[in-house]
Amino acid sequence: MKILKFILLLFPILIFTQNSLPDLRLNDNTDVSNDVQKLLKLKGNEIAVSFYTNGGLGYQFTIDNFIYKENGDILHYKDKIYFKRGKKHERNKIKMSESEKTDLKSIVQSEFFRDFTKYTQADFRYSEKNHQICATDSIDDAPENFVMITQNGKQNTTMVYLPKNNAKCSAEGSPLMKFIQLHQLFGIELER
């Protein structure tokens, strides 16, 4: 009988902690004029992890939004915003299995993810001390790749130009390599 009471007491605690979202320490206030930010309808402590590419020359955004709900659910939307000849928007909801959702929950709860949220754009700029960016030649139509993490009216946004091309100049634990790894963890393909 005592074991049954213990299990009944422990079960809600396990369910609650599995669905609880981490409290991220994000630096910037949300930019309500940002087209990607406008797509998010977050409530309470919900988290959005947005991967987007401007498609070169800024004519379109391709966006993957992963929204972590307070009830433990995760939504994945693939959005496209077209700017040529007027602004147009397409949205597709991506179905995910329970195992995929479990994997995504473990990512946002991980130390790797919490550490990534501490990066700022300055961590991705070339400097004398930061040699991780090597592509100095400009490619006119190359996309810029962004990661935006949002929670509680705060966000962190980082942008990297040609991340895969720059990877050959970057050390294993560098912010650039973690930027690439975060894309891989979420199953987001980087073009170049």
N, C-alpha and C. Protein backbone atom coordinates (compact mmCIF):
# COMPACT_ATOMS: atom_id res chain seq x y z
N MET A 1 0.82 -1.19 0.00
CA MET A 1 0.00 0.00 0.00
C MET A 1 0.87 1.27 0.00
N LYS A 2 1.94 1.24 0.80
CA LYS A 2 2.84 2.39 0.85
C LYS A 2 3.51 2.62 -0.50
N ILE A 3 3.83 1.55 -1.18
CA ILE A 3 4.46 1.66 -2.50
C ILE A 3 3.49 2.30 -3.48
N LEU A 4 2.24 1.90 -3.44
CA LEU A 4 1.23 2.46 -4.33
C LEU A 4 1.05 3.96 -4.07
N LYS A 5 1.01 4.36 -2.80
CA LYS A 5 0.90 5.79 -2.46
C LYS A 5 2.12 6.56 -2.96
N PHE A 6 3.29 5.95 -2.80
CA PHE A 6 4.53 6.59 -3.26
C PHE A 6 4.51 6.80 -4.78
N ILE A 7 4.06 5.77 -5.51
CA ILE A 7 3.99 5.87 -6.97
C ILE A 7 2.98 6.92 -7.39
N LEU A 8 1.82 6.95 -6.73
CA LEU A 8 0.80 7.95 -7.05
C LEU A 8 1.29 9.37 -6.74
N LEU A 9 2.11 9.52 -5.74
CA LEU A 9 2.67 10.82 -5.40
C LEU A 9 3.78 11.20 -6.38
N LEU A 10 4.60 10.25 -6.78
CA LEU A 10 5.73 10.50 -7.65
C LEU A 10 5.32 10.75 -9.10
N PHE A 11 4.27 10.09 -9.58
CA PHE A 11 3.85 10.20 -10.97
C PHE A 11 3.56 11.65 -11.40
N PRO A 12 2.74 12.42 -10.65
CA PRO A 12 2.51 13.81 -11.08
C PRO A 12 3.78 14.67 -11.07
N ILE A 13 4.67 14.38 -10.15
CA ILE A 13 5.93 15.14 -10.10
C ILE A 13 6.75 14.86 -11.35
N LEU A 14 6.83 13.60 -11.74
CA LEU A 14 7.58 13.25 -12.96
C LEU A 14 6.96 13.89 -14.19
N ILE A 15 5.64 13.86 -14.29
CA ILE A 15 4.96 14.46 -15.44
C ILE A 15 5.20 15.96 -15.45
N PHE A 16 5.11 16.61 -14.29
CA PHE A 16 5.30 18.06 -14.23
C PHE A 16 6.72 18.45 -14.63
N THR A 17 7.72 17.75 -14.10
CA THR A 17 9.11 18.12 -14.42
C THR A 17 9.44 17.83 -15.87
N GLN A 18 8.82 16.80 -16.46
CA GLN A 18 9.08 16.49 -17.86
C GLN A 18 8.53 17.60 -18.76
N ASN A 19 7.41 18.21 -18.38
CA ASN A 19 6.79 19.25 -19.19
C ASN A 19 7.26 20.65 -18.84
N SER A 20 8.00 20.82 -17.76
CA SER A 20 8.41 22.17 -17.38
C SER A 20 9.48 22.68 -18.35
N LEU A 21 9.41 23.96 -18.60
CA LEU A 21 10.35 24.59 -19.53
C LEU A 21 11.44 25.30 -18.74
N PRO A 22 12.66 25.28 -19.24
CA PRO A 22 13.73 26.00 -18.53
C PRO A 22 13.50 27.50 -18.61
N ASP A 23 14.01 28.20 -17.64
CA ASP A 23 13.96 29.66 -17.64
C ASP A 23 15.25 30.16 -18.28
N LEU A 24 15.16 30.59 -19.53
CA LEU A 24 16.34 31.01 -20.28
C LEU A 24 16.69 32.46 -19.95
N ARG A 25 17.94 32.75 -19.88
CA ARG A 25 18.42 34.11 -19.62
C ARG A 25 18.78 34.76 -20.96
N LEU A 26 17.76 35.32 -21.61
CA LEU A 26 17.97 35.93 -22.93
C LEU A 26 18.22 37.42 -22.76
N ASN A 27 19.01 38.00 -23.66
CA ASN A 27 19.53 39.36 -23.48
C ASN A 27 18.64 40.48 -23.98
N ASP A 28 18.03 40.33 -25.14
CA ASP A 28 17.38 41.45 -25.80
C ASP A 28 15.86 41.37 -25.69
N ASN A 29 15.22 42.53 -25.66
CA ASN A 29 13.76 42.57 -25.73
C ASN A 29 13.34 42.10 -27.11
N THR A 30 12.17 41.48 -27.21
CA THR A 30 11.71 41.01 -28.51
C THR A 30 11.50 42.20 -29.45
N ASP A 31 11.87 41.99 -30.68
CA ASP A 31 11.73 43.00 -31.73
C ASP A 31 10.40 42.76 -32.43
N VAL A 32 9.37 43.51 -32.03
CA VAL A 32 8.03 43.27 -32.57
C VAL A 32 7.93 43.63 -34.04
N SER A 33 8.91 44.34 -34.60
CA SER A 33 8.89 44.66 -36.03
C SER A 33 9.51 43.53 -36.87
N ASN A 34 10.15 42.56 -36.23
CA ASN A 34 10.78 41.44 -36.91
C ASN A 34 9.70 40.54 -37.50
N ASP A 35 9.78 40.26 -38.80
CA ASP A 35 8.76 39.45 -39.48
C ASP A 35 8.66 38.04 -38.90
N VAL A 36 9.77 37.48 -38.46
CA VAL A 36 9.73 36.14 -37.86
C VAL A 36 9.07 36.21 -36.49
N GLN A 37 9.41 37.22 -35.71
CA GLN A 37 8.83 37.38 -34.37
C GLN A 37 7.31 37.55 -34.44
N LYS A 38 6.83 38.20 -35.50
CA LYS A 38 5.38 38.41 -35.65
C LYS A 38 4.61 37.10 -35.80
N LEU A 39 5.28 36.04 -36.27
CA LEU A 39 4.62 34.75 -36.45
C LEU A 39 4.40 34.00 -35.13
N LEU A 40 5.15 34.38 -34.11
CA LEU A 40 5.10 33.67 -32.83
C LEU A 40 3.97 34.22 -31.98
N LYS A 41 3.22 33.36 -31.41
CA LYS A 41 2.13 33.75 -30.50
C LYS A 41 2.39 33.05 -29.17
N LEU A 42 3.45 33.45 -28.49
CA LEU A 42 3.86 32.77 -27.27
C LEU A 42 3.04 33.27 -26.07
N LYS A 43 2.78 32.35 -25.16
CA LYS A 43 2.05 32.68 -23.93
C LYS A 43 2.90 32.24 -22.75
N GLY A 44 2.86 33.02 -21.69
CA GLY A 44 3.55 32.64 -20.46
C GLY A 44 5.02 32.38 -20.68
N ASN A 45 5.45 31.20 -20.25
CA ASN A 45 6.86 30.82 -20.26
C ASN A 45 7.26 30.05 -21.53
N GLU A 46 6.40 30.02 -22.54
CA GLU A 46 6.67 29.23 -23.74
C GLU A 46 7.95 29.70 -24.43
N ILE A 47 8.57 28.77 -25.14
CA ILE A 47 9.85 29.02 -25.82
C ILE A 47 9.66 28.79 -27.31
N ALA A 48 10.25 29.67 -28.11
CA ALA A 48 10.29 29.46 -29.56
C ALA A 48 11.76 29.42 -29.98
N VAL A 49 12.10 28.42 -30.77
CA VAL A 49 13.42 28.33 -31.38
C VAL A 49 13.16 28.43 -32.88
N SER A 50 13.66 29.52 -33.48
CA SER A 50 13.38 29.81 -34.89
C SER A 50 14.68 29.77 -35.68
N PHE A 51 14.68 28.99 -36.74
CA PHE A 51 15.80 28.93 -37.66
C PHE A 51 15.30 29.55 -38.96
N TYR A 52 16.01 30.55 -39.46
CA TYR A 52 15.56 31.12 -40.72
C TYR A 52 16.71 31.59 -41.57
N THR A 53 16.42 31.60 -42.87
CA THR A 53 17.37 31.99 -43.89
C THR A 53 16.70 33.03 -44.75
N ASN A 54 17.47 34.06 -45.12
CA ASN A 54 16.85 35.14 -45.90
C ASN A 54 16.85 34.87 -47.39
N GLY A 55 17.30 33.73 -47.83
CA GLY A 55 17.18 33.35 -49.23
C GLY A 55 18.05 34.14 -50.19
N GLY A 56 19.00 34.88 -49.70
CA GLY A 56 19.85 35.68 -50.58
C GLY A 56 19.12 36.89 -51.11
N LEU A 57 19.74 38.01 -51.07
CA LEU A 57 19.18 39.29 -51.51
C LEU A 57 17.87 39.65 -50.80
N GLY A 58 17.49 38.90 -49.78
CA GLY A 58 16.36 39.25 -48.94
C GLY A 58 14.99 39.15 -49.57
N TYR A 59 14.81 38.40 -50.67
CA TYR A 59 13.50 38.30 -51.30
C TYR A 59 12.55 37.35 -50.59
N GLN A 60 13.08 36.46 -49.75
CA GLN A 60 12.20 35.56 -49.02
C GLN A 60 12.89 35.08 -47.75
N PHE A 61 12.08 34.75 -46.76
CA PHE A 61 12.53 34.07 -45.55
C PHE A 61 11.98 32.66 -45.60
N THR A 62 12.82 31.69 -45.26
CA THR A 62 12.38 30.33 -45.03
C THR A 62 12.61 30.09 -43.54
N ILE A 63 11.55 29.74 -42.83
CA ILE A 63 11.58 29.72 -41.36
C ILE A 63 11.10 28.39 -40.83
N ASP A 64 11.84 27.83 -39.87
CA ASP A 64 11.38 26.68 -39.09
C ASP A 64 11.20 27.18 -37.67
N ASN A 65 9.95 27.21 -37.20
CA ASN A 65 9.64 27.61 -35.83
C ASN A 65 9.29 26.38 -35.01
N PHE A 66 10.02 26.17 -33.93
CA PHE A 66 9.72 25.12 -32.96
C PHE A 66 9.19 25.83 -31.73
N ILE A 67 7.94 25.57 -31.38
CA ILE A 67 7.32 26.26 -30.25
C ILE A 67 7.07 25.24 -29.15
N TYR A 68 7.69 25.49 -28.00
CA TYR A 68 7.56 24.65 -26.82
C TYR A 68 6.45 25.22 -25.96
N LYS A 69 5.33 24.49 -25.86
CA LYS A 69 4.16 24.93 -25.11
C LYS A 69 4.32 24.56 -23.63
N GLU A 70 3.64 25.31 -22.77
CA GLU A 70 3.71 25.05 -21.33
C GLU A 70 3.12 23.70 -20.95
N ASN A 71 2.21 23.17 -21.75
CA ASN A 71 1.59 21.88 -21.45
C ASN A 71 2.47 20.70 -21.88
N GLY A 72 3.67 20.98 -22.39
CA GLY A 72 4.60 19.92 -22.79
C GLY A 72 4.58 19.61 -24.28
N ASP A 73 3.62 20.16 -25.00
CA ASP A 73 3.54 19.90 -26.44
C ASP A 73 4.59 20.75 -27.18
N ILE A 74 4.96 20.28 -28.35
CA ILE A 74 5.88 21.03 -29.21
C ILE A 74 5.25 21.12 -30.59
N LEU A 75 5.22 22.32 -31.13
CA LEU A 75 4.69 22.55 -32.47
C LEU A 75 5.83 22.94 -33.39
N HIS A 76 5.79 22.45 -34.62
CA HIS A 76 6.80 22.80 -35.61
C HIS A 76 6.07 23.35 -36.83
N TYR A 77 6.37 24.60 -37.16
CA TYR A 77 5.80 25.24 -38.34
C TYR A 77 6.91 25.57 -39.31
N LYS A 78 6.67 25.31 -40.58
CA LYS A 78 7.57 25.74 -41.65
C LYS A 78 6.87 26.88 -42.37
N ASP A 79 7.48 28.06 -42.28
CA ASP A 79 6.90 29.27 -42.86
C ASP A 79 7.78 29.78 -43.98
N LYS A 80 7.14 30.42 -44.95
CA LYS A 80 7.86 31.15 -46.00
C LYS A 80 7.20 32.51 -46.12
N ILE A 81 8.03 33.52 -46.14
CA ILE A 81 7.55 34.88 -46.36
C ILE A 81 8.24 35.38 -47.62
N TYR A 82 7.45 35.78 -48.60
CA TYR A 82 7.98 36.30 -49.86
C TYR A 82 7.80 37.81 -49.89
N PHE A 83 8.83 38.53 -50.31
CA PHE A 83 8.79 39.98 -50.33
C PHE A 83 8.73 40.58 -51.73
N LYS A 84 9.01 39.78 -52.73
CA LYS A 84 9.02 40.29 -54.09
C LYS A 84 7.57 40.46 -54.57
N ARG A 85 7.26 41.60 -55.13
CA ARG A 85 5.90 41.91 -55.63
C ARG A 85 4.85 41.80 -54.52
N GLY A 86 5.13 42.42 -53.41
CA GLY A 86 4.19 42.37 -52.29
C GLY A 86 4.50 41.23 -51.35
N LYS A 87 4.16 41.38 -50.11
CA LYS A 87 4.48 40.39 -49.09
C LYS A 87 3.43 39.28 -49.08
N LYS A 88 3.91 38.03 -49.16
CA LYS A 88 3.04 36.86 -49.11
C LYS A 88 3.58 35.91 -48.05
N HIS A 89 2.68 35.13 -47.46
CA HIS A 89 3.08 34.23 -46.38
C HIS A 89 2.44 32.86 -46.59
N GLU A 90 3.23 31.80 -46.40
CA GLU A 90 2.75 30.41 -46.42
C GLU A 90 3.13 29.77 -45.10
N ARG A 91 2.24 28.95 -44.53
CA ARG A 91 2.54 28.24 -43.29
C ARG A 91 2.10 26.80 -43.40
N ASN A 92 2.99 25.89 -43.02
CA ASN A 92 2.69 24.47 -42.96
C ASN A 92 3.04 23.95 -41.59
N LYS A 93 2.12 23.22 -40.99
CA LYS A 93 2.39 22.58 -39.70
C LYS A 93 3.02 21.23 -39.99
N ILE A 94 4.15 20.97 -39.37
CA ILE A 94 4.88 19.72 -39.57
C ILE A 94 4.48 18.74 -38.47
N LYS A 95 4.03 17.56 -38.86
CA LYS A 95 3.67 16.54 -37.87
C LYS A 95 4.95 15.91 -37.32
N MET A 96 4.94 15.69 -36.00
CA MET A 96 6.09 15.06 -35.35
C MET A 96 5.62 13.87 -34.53
N SER A 97 6.46 12.85 -34.48
CA SER A 97 6.17 11.69 -33.66
C SER A 97 6.47 12.03 -32.19
N GLU A 98 5.97 11.20 -31.29
CA GLU A 98 6.25 11.41 -29.86
C GLU A 98 7.74 11.27 -29.58
N SER A 99 8.41 10.40 -30.30
CA SER A 99 9.85 10.24 -30.09
C SER A 99 10.62 11.49 -30.54
N GLU A 100 10.18 12.11 -31.65
CA GLU A 100 10.81 13.36 -32.09
C GLU A 100 10.58 14.46 -31.06
N LYS A 101 9.38 14.53 -30.50
CA LYS A 101 9.08 15.53 -29.48
C LYS A 101 9.94 15.31 -28.23
N THR A 102 10.12 14.06 -27.86
CA THR A 102 10.96 13.74 -26.70
C THR A 102 12.40 14.20 -26.95
N ASP A 103 12.90 13.95 -28.16
CA ASP A 103 14.25 14.39 -28.51
C ASP A 103 14.36 15.91 -28.46
N LEU A 104 13.35 16.61 -28.99
CA LEU A 104 13.37 18.08 -28.97
C LEU A 104 13.29 18.63 -27.56
N LYS A 105 12.53 17.97 -26.68
CA LYS A 105 12.47 18.39 -25.27
C LYS A 105 13.84 18.26 -24.62
N SER A 106 14.54 17.18 -24.93
CA SER A 106 15.85 16.99 -24.31
C SER A 106 16.85 18.04 -24.79
N ILE A 107 16.70 18.51 -26.02
CA ILE A 107 17.60 19.55 -26.53
C ILE A 107 17.43 20.83 -25.73
N VAL A 108 16.20 21.29 -25.57
CA VAL A 108 15.96 22.57 -24.90
C VAL A 108 16.29 22.49 -23.40
N GLN A 109 16.30 21.29 -22.85
CA GLN A 109 16.66 21.10 -21.44
C GLN A 109 18.17 20.91 -21.24
N SER A 110 18.91 20.79 -22.33
CA SER A 110 20.33 20.45 -22.23
C SER A 110 21.22 21.64 -21.87
N GLU A 111 22.37 21.30 -21.31
CA GLU A 111 23.37 22.32 -20.99
C GLU A 111 23.89 22.97 -22.28
N PHE A 112 24.02 22.19 -23.34
CA PHE A 112 24.46 22.72 -24.63
C PHE A 112 23.55 23.86 -25.08
N PHE A 113 22.22 23.65 -24.99
CA PHE A 113 21.27 24.67 -25.42
C PHE A 113 21.35 25.90 -24.52
N ARG A 114 21.39 25.70 -23.21
CA ARG A 114 21.49 26.85 -22.29
C ARG A 114 22.76 27.65 -22.57
N ASP A 115 23.87 26.96 -22.83
CA ASP A 115 25.11 27.66 -23.16
C ASP A 115 24.98 28.43 -24.46
N PHE A 116 24.30 27.83 -25.45
CA PHE A 116 24.14 28.51 -26.74
C PHE A 116 23.35 29.80 -26.58
N THR A 117 22.38 29.83 -25.69
CA THR A 117 21.56 31.04 -25.51
C THR A 117 22.37 32.21 -24.96
N LYS A 118 23.56 31.96 -24.46
CA LYS A 118 24.39 33.04 -23.91
C LYS A 118 25.19 33.76 -25.00
N TYR A 119 25.27 33.19 -26.19
CA TYR A 119 26.03 33.83 -27.27
C TYR A 119 25.32 35.09 -27.75
N THR A 120 26.13 36.04 -28.18
CA THR A 120 25.61 37.25 -28.81
C THR A 120 26.20 37.31 -30.22
N GLN A 121 25.75 38.27 -31.01
CA GLN A 121 26.26 38.40 -32.37
C GLN A 121 27.77 38.65 -32.37
N ALA A 122 28.28 39.30 -31.34
CA ALA A 122 29.73 39.57 -31.25
C ALA A 122 30.55 38.30 -31.24
N ASP A 123 29.99 37.21 -30.75
CA ASP A 123 30.72 35.93 -30.72
C ASP A 123 30.91 35.34 -32.11
N PHE A 124 30.25 35.89 -33.12
CA PHE A 124 30.32 35.36 -34.48
C PHE A 124 31.01 36.31 -35.44
N ARG A 125 31.65 37.34 -34.94
CA ARG A 125 32.36 38.30 -35.80
C ARG A 125 33.83 37.96 -35.85
N TYR A 126 34.43 38.23 -37.00
CA TYR A 126 35.87 38.02 -37.14
C TYR A 126 36.63 39.09 -36.37
N SER A 127 37.64 38.68 -35.64
CA SER A 127 38.52 39.62 -34.95
C SER A 127 39.89 38.96 -34.81
N GLU A 128 40.85 39.69 -34.26
CA GLU A 128 42.19 39.13 -34.05
C GLU A 128 42.13 37.90 -33.14
N LYS A 129 41.23 37.90 -32.16
CA LYS A 129 41.13 36.80 -31.21
C LYS A 129 40.14 35.71 -31.68
N ASN A 130 39.33 36.04 -32.66
CA ASN A 130 38.29 35.12 -33.10
C ASN A 130 38.49 34.84 -34.59
N HIS A 131 39.18 33.76 -34.90
CA HIS A 131 39.50 33.43 -36.29
C HIS A 131 38.55 32.40 -36.88
N GLN A 132 37.35 32.25 -36.32
CA GLN A 132 36.45 31.20 -36.80
C GLN A 132 35.77 31.54 -38.11
N ILE A 133 35.78 32.80 -38.51
CA ILE A 133 35.14 33.20 -39.76
C ILE A 133 36.24 33.44 -40.79
N CYS A 134 36.23 32.68 -41.90
CA CYS A 134 37.32 32.81 -42.87
C CYS A 134 36.86 33.30 -44.23
N ALA A 135 35.56 33.22 -44.52
CA ALA A 135 35.07 33.62 -45.84
C ALA A 135 35.03 35.15 -45.92
N THR A 136 36.05 35.72 -46.51
CA THR A 136 36.10 37.18 -46.60
C THR A 136 35.54 37.68 -47.91
N ASP A 137 35.53 36.83 -48.93
CA ASP A 137 34.95 37.23 -50.21
C ASP A 137 33.44 37.17 -50.12
N SER A 138 32.78 38.13 -50.70
CA SER A 138 31.32 38.18 -50.67
C SER A 138 30.75 37.42 -51.86
N ILE A 139 29.74 36.62 -51.59
CA ILE A 139 29.00 35.95 -52.64
C ILE A 139 27.66 36.65 -52.70
N ASP A 140 27.34 37.26 -53.83
CA ASP A 140 26.19 38.15 -53.91
C ASP A 140 24.88 37.56 -53.42
N ASP A 141 24.58 36.33 -53.78
CA ASP A 141 23.27 35.80 -53.48
C ASP A 141 23.31 34.73 -52.38
N ALA A 142 24.32 34.77 -51.52
CA ALA A 142 24.43 33.77 -50.46
C ALA A 142 23.48 34.12 -49.33
N PRO A 143 22.81 33.12 -48.78
CA PRO A 143 21.87 33.39 -47.70
C PRO A 143 22.58 33.65 -46.38
N GLU A 144 21.90 34.40 -45.54
CA GLU A 144 22.33 34.58 -44.16
C GLU A 144 21.47 33.64 -43.33
N ASN A 145 22.09 32.95 -42.39
CA ASN A 145 21.38 31.98 -41.55
C ASN A 145 21.24 32.54 -40.14
N PHE A 146 20.02 32.48 -39.61
CA PHE A 146 19.72 33.04 -38.31
C PHE A 146 19.20 31.97 -37.36
N VAL A 147 19.48 32.16 -36.07
CA VAL A 147 18.82 31.42 -35.01
C VAL A 147 18.28 32.47 -34.05
N MET A 148 16.97 32.39 -33.77
CA MET A 148 16.36 33.30 -32.81
C MET A 148 15.67 32.45 -31.75
N ILE A 149 16.03 32.70 -30.50
CA ILE A 149 15.44 31.99 -29.37
C ILE A 149 14.65 33.02 -28.57
N THR A 150 13.37 32.72 -28.29
CA THR A 150 12.48 33.68 -27.66
C THR A 150 11.78 33.06 -26.45
N GLN A 151 11.70 33.84 -25.38
CA GLN A 151 10.94 33.44 -24.19
C GLN A 151 10.67 34.67 -23.34
N ASN A 152 9.48 34.77 -22.79
CA ASN A 152 9.12 35.82 -21.83
C ASN A 152 9.45 37.23 -22.31
N GLY A 153 9.16 37.55 -23.57
CA GLY A 153 9.40 38.90 -24.08
C GLY A 153 10.87 39.22 -24.33
N LYS A 154 11.73 38.22 -24.28
CA LYS A 154 13.17 38.40 -24.52
C LYS A 154 13.59 37.48 -25.66
N GLN A 155 14.69 37.85 -26.33
CA GLN A 155 15.18 37.02 -27.42
C GLN A 155 16.70 37.14 -27.54
N ASN A 156 17.29 36.13 -28.13
CA ASN A 156 18.67 36.15 -28.59
C ASN A 156 18.63 35.78 -30.06
N THR A 157 19.27 36.60 -30.90
CA THR A 157 19.32 36.31 -32.32
C THR A 157 20.77 36.35 -32.77
N THR A 158 21.18 35.31 -33.48
CA THR A 158 22.52 35.29 -34.07
C THR A 158 22.39 35.01 -35.55
N MET A 159 23.29 35.61 -36.32
CA MET A 159 23.29 35.45 -37.77
C MET A 159 24.69 35.04 -38.20
N VAL A 160 24.75 34.08 -39.10
CA VAL A 160 26.03 33.66 -39.65
C VAL A 160 25.89 33.60 -41.17
N TYR A 161 26.83 34.20 -41.85
CA TYR A 161 26.92 34.21 -43.30
C TYR A 161 27.79 33.04 -43.72
N LEU A 162 27.29 32.18 -44.58
CA LEU A 162 28.02 31.02 -45.10
C LEU A 162 28.61 30.13 -43.99
N PRO A 163 27.79 29.61 -43.08
CA PRO A 163 28.35 28.84 -41.96
C PRO A 163 29.12 27.59 -42.37
N LYS A 164 28.63 26.83 -43.36
CA LYS A 164 29.34 25.62 -43.75
C LYS A 164 30.68 25.94 -44.42
N ASN A 165 30.74 27.03 -45.19
CA ASN A 165 32.01 27.43 -45.81
C ASN A 165 33.02 27.85 -44.76
N ASN A 166 32.55 28.51 -43.70
CA ASN A 166 33.44 28.98 -42.65
C ASN A 166 33.86 27.88 -41.68
N ALA A 167 33.17 26.77 -41.67
CA ALA A 167 33.46 25.69 -40.72
C ALA A 167 34.90 25.18 -40.86
N LYS A 168 35.44 25.22 -42.08
CA LYS A 168 36.81 24.71 -42.29
C LYS A 168 37.86 25.55 -41.57
N CYS A 169 37.51 26.77 -41.16
CA CYS A 169 38.45 27.65 -40.46
C CYS A 169 38.18 27.72 -38.96
N SER A 170 37.26 26.93 -38.49
CA SER A 170 36.80 27.07 -37.11
C SER A 170 37.21 25.90 -36.24
N ALA A 171 37.56 26.20 -35.00
CA ALA A 171 37.92 25.17 -34.03
C ALA A 171 36.66 24.40 -33.60
N GLU A 172 36.84 23.19 -33.13
CA GLU A 172 35.73 22.30 -32.80
C GLU A 172 34.71 22.90 -31.82
N GLY A 173 35.13 23.54 -30.77
CA GLY A 173 34.21 24.05 -29.75
C GLY A 173 33.80 25.50 -29.94
N SER A 174 34.08 26.06 -31.10
CA SER A 174 33.81 27.48 -31.34
C SER A 174 32.31 27.75 -31.43
N PRO A 175 31.90 29.01 -31.24
CA PRO A 175 30.48 29.36 -31.40
C PRO A 175 29.94 28.97 -32.79
N LEU A 176 30.74 29.12 -33.84
CA LEU A 176 30.27 28.76 -35.18
C LEU A 176 29.95 27.27 -35.27
N MET A 177 30.81 26.43 -34.73
CA MET A 177 30.57 25.00 -34.78
C MET A 177 29.34 24.63 -33.94
N LYS A 178 29.10 25.34 -32.85
CA LYS A 178 27.90 25.10 -32.04
C LYS A 178 26.65 25.59 -32.77
N PHE A 179 26.76 26.65 -33.54
CA PHE A 179 25.67 27.14 -34.38
C PHE A 179 25.28 26.05 -35.38
N ILE A 180 26.28 25.45 -36.02
CA ILE A 180 26.04 24.37 -36.98
C ILE A 180 25.45 23.15 -36.27
N GLN A 181 26.00 22.82 -35.10
CA GLN A 181 25.51 21.66 -34.34
C GLN A 181 24.06 21.85 -33.91
N LEU A 182 23.68 23.07 -33.51
CA LEU A 182 22.30 23.32 -33.12
C LEU A 182 21.35 23.07 -34.29
N HIS A 183 21.74 23.50 -35.48
CA HIS A 183 20.94 23.21 -36.68
C HIS A 183 20.80 21.69 -36.87
N GLN A 184 21.90 20.97 -36.70
CA GLN A 184 21.87 19.52 -36.89
C GLN A 184 20.95 18.85 -35.87
N LEU A 185 21.01 19.29 -34.61
CA LEU A 185 20.18 18.71 -33.56
C LEU A 185 18.68 18.86 -33.89
N PHE A 186 18.31 19.98 -34.48
CA PHE A 186 16.92 20.21 -34.83
C PHE A 186 16.57 19.69 -36.23
N GLY A 187 17.56 19.13 -36.93
CA GLY A 187 17.31 18.56 -38.27
C GLY A 187 17.15 19.64 -39.34
N ILE A 188 17.80 20.77 -39.16
CA ILE A 188 17.72 21.88 -40.12
C ILE A 188 18.94 21.84 -41.02
N GLU A 189 18.72 21.79 -42.31
CA GLU A 189 19.79 21.72 -43.30
C GLU A 189 20.33 23.13 -43.60
N LEU A 190 21.64 23.27 -43.52
CA LEU A 190 22.31 24.52 -43.92
C LEU A 190 22.78 24.35 -45.36
N GLU A 191 22.54 25.36 -46.20
CA GLU A 191 22.91 25.27 -47.61
C GLU A 191 24.41 25.39 -47.83
N ARG A 192 25.02 26.43 -47.32
CA ARG A 192 26.45 26.65 -47.54
C ARG A 192 27.11 27.15 -46.28
